[in-house]
Amino acid sequence: MDEYAIETEGLTKVFRSRWSKRELKAVDDISIRVPRGTTFGLLGPNGAGKTTFVKMLLSCTHPTSGRAKVFGRDSQEPEARRPIGYLPENHRFPTYMTGWGMLEFYGALSGMDSASRRRRIPELLNLVGLDERAHHLRLGKYSKGMLQRVGLAQALIHSPRLLVLDEPSDGVDPVGRKHIRDVLNGLEREGVTIFLNSHLLAEVELFCREVVIIQKGKMALSGTVASLTSGSGYKVEALGVPESLETELRSRARSFRSVEGTLELLFASREEANWAVDRLRASHCELESLARTRSTLEDVFMKTVDGPISGVTAQ
């Protein structure tokens, strides 16, 4: 049994114009491995190549070079795609169908027999938090959050082993996002691999174990969320700091800012933060706060997409 749910080697997609000789490398030599049963986040700014990458993974478009495998099979083989459930970002379900009818339709497309569909559909609608009224309401009357919920149910209809989700929380309120996250956590515990593309970095940080950040088609950074956000420091806030002391403190700080008379300083180590507190006390400054800080995934993301592309891997 292959240990990876997804494996790509040198995956590249070049779009060529019919009318000119211009080429666009939407995805440029990306190699990743997603272990079975994990939660994996695909991140990048708009236009980075995320959607093209997913389309090649699902064989909606063919790579110019390289290859993608799903559970050890080439993704272009029909059998490789059977264990995949997919929720696209801008899905368009038939608005004249009810939620129940739409799941009947997609379940049949997935090869499920009638008895299996009748058992599975109420379980799924309950799982994603749609009540009895919504079961028989036409999709044209659904809110955006309800459409996302029934879309997730559609992706789960045939009990996939790999779930590919594109912005699954788009248009969902905070309570709904927490519900969807709980559903996905339950699926992970059951051994389902979840491949998530989302702009909600705080959600990705809470949910995903590993991430890869791509920029301009290239892989810019990859690693576990824990390792990427492990950078920490100490923030010191003080009032009434003399200009000469402020200059001295700034020279040792990793970053600083002054807001309405309050000086905020970030130091890399506890020793430097204690040194700053001693200097502030000696000058009879008012110490507002001293706190340990931690990098967020958003911090890491912004530094990565604003900086040069280097293909760094963090273990």
Protein backbone atom coordinates (compact mmCIF):
# COMPACT_ATOMS: atom_id res chain seq x y z
CA MET A 1 0.00 0.00 0.00
CA ASP A 2 1.39 3.41 -1.01
CA GLU A 3 2.10 5.62 2.01
CA TYR A 4 1.17 8.84 0.19
CA ALA A 5 -2.32 9.98 -0.70
CA ILE A 6 -0.89 12.57 -3.12
CA GLU A 7 2.54 12.63 -4.74
CA THR A 8 3.67 15.00 -7.48
CA GLU A 9 7.02 15.01 -9.25
CA GLY A 10 8.12 18.07 -11.21
CA LEU A 11 4.52 18.97 -11.99
CA THR A 12 4.52 21.77 -14.57
CA LYS A 13 1.82 23.45 -16.63
CA VAL A 14 2.63 25.90 -19.42
CA PHE A 15 -0.12 27.79 -21.22
CA ARG A 16 0.78 28.92 -24.73
CA SER A 17 -1.06 31.60 -26.71
CA ARG A 18 -2.41 30.64 -30.13
CA TRP A 19 -1.85 34.08 -31.53
CA SER A 20 1.57 34.88 -30.12
CA LYS A 21 4.68 33.08 -28.93
CA ARG A 22 4.11 34.04 -25.32
CA GLU A 23 4.08 31.35 -22.65
CA LEU A 24 2.80 31.39 -19.10
CA LYS A 25 4.08 28.89 -16.53
CA ALA A 26 1.09 28.57 -14.26
CA VAL A 27 2.72 25.73 -12.26
CA ASP A 28 6.49 25.38 -12.31
CA ASP A 29 8.20 22.14 -11.22
CA ILE A 30 6.23 21.42 -8.03
CA SER A 31 7.00 18.23 -6.12
CA ILE A 32 5.06 17.45 -2.94
CA ARG A 33 4.10 14.42 -0.88
CA VAL A 34 0.94 14.29 1.20
CA PRO A 35 0.89 11.37 3.66
CA ARG A 36 -2.29 9.34 4.06
CA GLY A 37 -4.68 10.45 6.76
CA THR A 38 -3.30 13.96 7.22
CA THR A 39 -4.69 17.46 6.71
CA PHE A 40 -2.70 19.42 4.15
CA GLY A 41 -3.10 23.07 3.18
CA LEU A 42 -2.32 24.59 -0.23
CA LEU A 43 -1.69 28.32 0.15
CA GLY A 44 -0.76 31.16 -2.16
CA PRO A 45 -1.93 34.59 -3.35
CA ASN A 46 -4.42 34.96 -6.19
CA GLY A 47 -2.85 33.87 -9.46
CA ALA A 48 -0.20 31.73 -7.74
CA GLY A 49 -1.24 28.56 -9.59
CA LYS A 50 -3.27 26.79 -6.88
CA THR A 51 -6.33 26.12 -9.03
CA THR A 52 -4.23 24.86 -11.95
CA PHE A 53 -2.38 22.54 -9.58
CA VAL A 54 -5.66 21.10 -8.27
CA LYS A 55 -7.02 20.69 -11.82
CA MET A 56 -3.95 18.66 -12.78
CA LEU A 57 -4.32 16.58 -9.63
CA LEU A 58 -7.92 15.81 -10.62
CA SER A 59 -6.96 15.34 -14.30
CA CYS A 60 -9.24 18.19 -15.40
CA THR A 61 -6.20 19.48 -17.26
CA HIS A 62 -3.05 17.62 -18.27
CA PRO A 63 0.44 18.65 -17.15
CA THR A 64 2.99 19.89 -19.65
CA SER A 65 5.58 17.83 -17.81
CA GLY A 66 5.90 15.89 -14.58
CA ARG A 67 3.23 13.72 -13.07
CA ALA A 68 0.77 13.42 -10.21
CA LYS A 69 -0.18 10.24 -8.34
CA VAL A 70 -3.13 9.55 -6.05
CA PHE A 71 -2.69 6.59 -3.69
CA GLY A 72 0.13 5.37 -5.92
CA ARG A 73 -1.81 5.56 -9.21
CA ASP A 74 -1.27 8.05 -12.01
CA SER A 75 -3.98 10.68 -11.55
CA GLN A 76 -4.93 10.41 -15.23
CA GLU A 77 -6.23 6.88 -14.66
CA PRO A 78 -10.00 6.87 -13.98
CA GLU A 79 -9.54 4.41 -11.10
CA ALA A 80 -7.18 6.85 -9.39
CA ARG A 81 -9.98 9.42 -9.12
CA ARG A 82 -12.68 7.14 -7.70
CA PRO A 83 -11.62 7.60 -4.04
CA ILE A 84 -11.59 11.43 -4.36
CA GLY A 85 -14.33 13.76 -3.13
CA TYR A 86 -14.13 17.31 -4.51
CA LEU A 87 -15.73 20.61 -3.55
CA PRO A 88 -14.76 23.37 -6.03
CA GLU A 89 -14.69 27.01 -4.97
CA ASN A 90 -17.30 28.34 -7.39
CA HIS A 91 -19.59 25.33 -7.62
CA ARG A 92 -22.77 25.58 -9.67
CA PHE A 93 -25.37 23.05 -8.60
CA PRO A 94 -28.72 22.92 -10.50
CA THR A 95 -30.87 25.46 -8.65
CA TYR A 96 -34.14 23.66 -9.48
CA MET A 97 -33.03 20.60 -7.50
CA THR A 98 -33.62 20.11 -3.78
CA GLY A 99 -30.70 19.35 -1.49
CA TRP A 100 -31.85 15.74 -1.29
CA GLY A 101 -32.34 15.46 -5.06
CA MET A 102 -28.91 16.90 -5.79
CA LEU A 103 -27.26 14.34 -3.51
CA GLU A 104 -29.30 11.57 -5.17
CA PHE A 105 -27.96 12.74 -8.53
CA TYR A 106 -24.31 12.91 -7.47
CA GLY A 107 -24.56 9.66 -5.56
CA ALA A 108 -25.80 7.93 -8.72
CA LEU A 109 -22.96 9.50 -10.72
CA SER A 110 -20.56 8.02 -8.15
CA GLY A 111 -21.94 4.53 -8.76
CA MET A 112 -23.92 4.18 -5.54
CA ASP A 113 -27.04 2.01 -5.69
CA SER A 114 -30.45 3.30 -4.63
CA ALA A 115 -30.47 1.62 -1.20
CA SER A 116 -27.01 3.00 -0.36
CA ARG A 117 -28.07 6.51 -1.36
CA ARG A 118 -31.21 6.38 0.80
CA ARG A 119 -29.09 5.42 3.81
CA ARG A 120 -26.25 7.85 3.14
CA ILE A 121 -28.11 11.07 2.27
CA PRO A 122 -29.91 11.70 5.61
CA GLU A 123 -26.69 10.88 7.49
CA LEU A 124 -24.76 13.46 5.46
CA LEU A 125 -27.38 16.20 5.67
CA ASN A 126 -27.44 15.76 9.43
CA LEU A 127 -23.62 15.68 9.56
CA VAL A 128 -23.23 19.03 7.77
CA GLY A 129 -25.97 20.65 9.86
CA LEU A 130 -28.85 21.00 7.40
CA ASP A 131 -32.23 20.48 9.06
CA GLU A 132 -35.27 18.65 7.69
CA ARG A 133 -36.66 21.79 6.06
CA ALA A 134 -33.49 22.28 4.01
CA HIS A 135 -33.63 18.68 2.74
CA HIS A 136 -36.59 19.50 0.51
CA LEU A 137 -35.87 23.18 -0.24
CA ARG A 138 -34.77 24.02 -3.78
CA LEU A 139 -31.09 24.97 -4.00
CA GLY A 140 -32.06 28.31 -5.52
CA LYS A 141 -33.45 29.24 -2.08
CA TYR A 142 -30.32 28.19 -0.18
CA SER A 143 -28.06 30.80 1.43
CA LYS A 144 -24.35 30.82 0.55
CA GLY A 145 -23.53 29.05 3.81
CA MET A 146 -26.17 26.36 3.16
CA LEU A 147 -24.78 25.82 -0.35
CA GLN A 148 -21.31 25.28 1.12
CA ARG A 149 -22.71 22.75 3.57
CA VAL A 150 -24.61 20.77 0.93
CA GLY A 151 -21.53 21.04 -1.31
CA LEU A 152 -19.47 19.37 1.40
CA ALA A 153 -22.14 16.65 1.67
CA GLN A 154 -21.88 16.15 -2.12
CA ALA A 155 -18.09 15.69 -1.84
CA LEU A 156 -18.63 13.08 0.90
CA ILE A 157 -21.50 11.18 -0.71
CA HIS A 158 -19.40 8.16 -1.81
CA SER A 159 -17.23 8.01 1.37
CA PRO A 160 -13.99 9.16 -0.28
CA ARG A 161 -10.54 8.42 1.09
CA LEU A 162 -9.20 11.76 -0.20
CA LEU A 163 -11.16 15.01 0.13
CA VAL A 164 -10.06 17.98 -2.01
CA LEU A 165 -11.67 21.21 -0.80
CA ASP A 166 -11.40 24.63 -2.43
CA GLU A 167 -12.43 27.39 0.02
CA PRO A 168 -14.88 25.16 1.97
CA SER A 169 -15.70 27.93 4.49
CA ASP A 170 -16.40 30.63 1.90
CA GLY A 171 -19.59 32.49 2.86
CA VAL A 172 -20.02 30.51 6.09
CA ASP A 173 -20.45 32.34 9.41
CA PRO A 174 -18.03 31.70 12.33
CA VAL A 175 -20.36 29.13 13.94
CA GLY A 176 -20.66 27.33 10.60
CA ARG A 177 -16.89 27.38 10.08
CA LYS A 178 -16.41 25.78 13.49
CA HIS A 179 -19.00 23.12 12.57
CA ILE A 180 -17.27 22.37 9.25
CA ARG A 181 -13.91 22.20 11.02
CA ASP A 182 -15.34 19.71 13.53
CA VAL A 183 -16.72 17.58 10.67
CA LEU A 184 -13.34 17.57 8.94
CA ASN A 185 -11.52 16.75 12.17
CA GLY A 186 -13.81 13.76 12.58
CA LEU A 187 -13.04 12.61 9.03
CA GLU A 188 -9.31 12.93 9.70
CA ARG A 189 -9.67 10.71 12.76
CA GLU A 190 -11.33 8.13 10.49
CA GLY A 191 -8.25 8.18 8.22
CA VAL A 192 -9.53 10.45 5.43
CA THR A 193 -6.84 12.60 3.82
CA ILE A 194 -7.93 16.23 3.47
CA PHE A 195 -6.30 18.56 0.94
CA LEU A 196 -7.45 22.12 1.60
CA ASN A 197 -7.09 25.29 -0.46
CA SER A 198 -8.18 28.34 1.55
CA HIS A 199 -7.50 32.05 1.98
CA LEU A 200 -8.62 31.89 5.63
CA LEU A 201 -5.15 31.47 7.10
CA ALA A 202 -6.37 31.37 10.69
CA GLU A 203 -8.64 28.45 9.76
CA VAL A 204 -5.78 26.66 8.00
CA GLU A 205 -3.53 27.17 11.03
CA LEU A 206 -6.18 25.68 13.33
CA PHE A 207 -6.93 22.72 11.09
CA CYS A 208 -3.99 21.68 8.88
CA ARG A 209 -0.93 19.74 10.00
CA GLU A 210 1.18 20.55 6.95
CA VAL A 211 1.12 23.32 4.35
CA VAL A 212 2.82 24.32 1.14
CA ILE A 213 2.93 27.93 -0.06
CA ILE A 214 3.23 28.55 -3.78
CA GLN A 215 3.98 31.86 -5.46
CA LYS A 216 4.08 32.60 -9.19
CA GLY A 217 3.75 28.89 -9.91
CA LYS A 218 6.74 27.85 -7.80
CA MET A 219 6.85 26.20 -4.40
CA ALA A 220 8.07 28.92 -2.04
CA LEU A 221 7.82 27.20 1.35
CA SER A 222 6.60 23.92 2.82
CA GLY A 223 6.55 22.23 6.19
CA THR A 224 4.45 21.42 9.21
CA VAL A 225 2.34 24.23 10.65
CA ALA A 226 4.03 23.67 14.02
CA SER A 227 7.52 24.18 12.59
CA LEU A 228 6.61 27.16 10.41
CA THR A 229 4.97 29.02 13.30
CA SER A 230 7.55 28.10 15.94
CA GLY A 231 9.30 31.47 15.79
CA SER A 232 8.60 33.34 19.03
CA GLY A 233 9.66 36.45 20.86
CA TYR A 234 8.83 38.79 23.71
CA LYS A 235 6.83 41.98 23.38
CA VAL A 236 7.47 44.85 25.78
CA GLU A 237 5.17 47.88 25.99
CA ALA A 238 6.10 50.99 27.94
CA LEU A 239 4.94 54.59 28.45
CA GLY A 240 6.93 57.78 28.83
CA VAL A 241 10.16 56.48 27.30
CA PRO A 242 12.79 59.23 26.83
CA GLU A 243 14.04 59.69 23.28
CA SER A 244 17.61 58.65 24.11
CA LEU A 245 16.46 55.41 25.76
CA GLU A 246 14.00 54.72 22.93
CA THR A 247 16.85 54.92 20.44
CA GLU A 248 18.91 52.48 22.54
CA LEU A 249 16.02 50.01 22.88
CA ARG A 250 15.19 50.16 19.18
CA SER A 251 18.77 49.24 18.29
CA ARG A 252 18.36 45.88 20.07
CA ALA A 253 14.74 45.12 19.16
CA ARG A 254 13.64 42.85 16.32
CA SER A 255 10.83 45.31 15.53
CA PHE A 256 9.22 48.33 17.14
CA ARG A 257 6.46 50.88 16.80
CA SER A 258 5.19 53.90 18.69
CA VAL A 259 1.43 54.37 19.09
CA GLU A 260 0.02 57.40 20.96
CA GLY A 261 2.88 57.58 23.41
CA THR A 262 3.19 53.82 23.92
CA LEU A 263 6.40 52.21 22.69
CA GLU A 264 6.00 48.58 21.56
CA LEU A 265 9.19 46.53 21.17
CA LEU A 266 9.64 42.93 20.06
CA PHE A 267 12.75 41.09 21.25
CA ALA A 268 14.02 37.74 20.04
CA SER A 269 15.02 36.34 23.44
CA ARG A 270 13.95 36.45 27.07
CA GLU A 271 17.35 37.82 28.04
CA GLU A 272 16.99 40.82 25.74
CA ALA A 273 13.44 41.46 26.97
CA ASN A 274 14.67 41.40 30.60
CA TRP A 275 17.48 43.79 29.67
CA ALA A 276 14.91 46.17 28.17
CA VAL A 277 12.71 45.95 31.29
CA ASP A 278 15.74 46.74 33.52
CA ARG A 279 16.60 49.79 31.39
CA LEU A 280 12.98 51.00 31.49
CA ARG A 281 12.78 50.55 35.28
CA ALA A 282 16.04 52.39 35.77
CA SER A 283 14.61 55.33 33.83
CA HIS A 284 11.36 55.25 35.86
CA CYS A 285 9.25 54.47 32.78
CA GLU A 286 5.80 52.92 33.16
CA LEU A 287 5.81 49.30 32.06
CA GLU A 288 2.48 48.57 30.34
CA SER A 289 2.98 44.86 29.53
CA LEU A 290 5.44 42.04 28.94
CA ALA A 291 4.20 39.06 26.91
CA ARG A 292 5.49 36.07 24.99
CA THR A 293 4.57 36.17 21.32
CA ARG A 294 4.30 33.50 18.63
CA SER A 295 4.43 33.70 14.85
CA THR A 296 1.14 33.08 13.08
CA LEU A 297 0.67 31.36 9.75
CA GLU A 298 -0.38 34.74 8.36
CA ASP A 299 2.99 36.21 9.42
CA VAL A 300 4.81 33.36 7.69
CA PHE A 301 2.62 33.67 4.59
CA MET A 302 3.13 37.42 4.21
CA LYS A 303 6.90 37.16 4.64
CA THR A 304 7.00 34.36 2.06
CA VAL A 305 4.91 35.98 -0.66
CA ASP A 306 6.57 39.37 -0.15
CA GLY A 307 10.08 37.92 -0.28
CA PRO A 308 12.12 36.09 -2.95
CA ILE A 309 11.09 32.59 -4.02
CA SER A 310 13.63 30.18 -2.61
CA GLY A 311 11.94 26.78 -2.31
CA VAL A 312 12.63 26.42 1.40
CA THR A 313 11.40 23.37 3.30
CA ALA A 314 10.81 23.44 7.05
CA GLN A 315 10.68 20.10 8.85
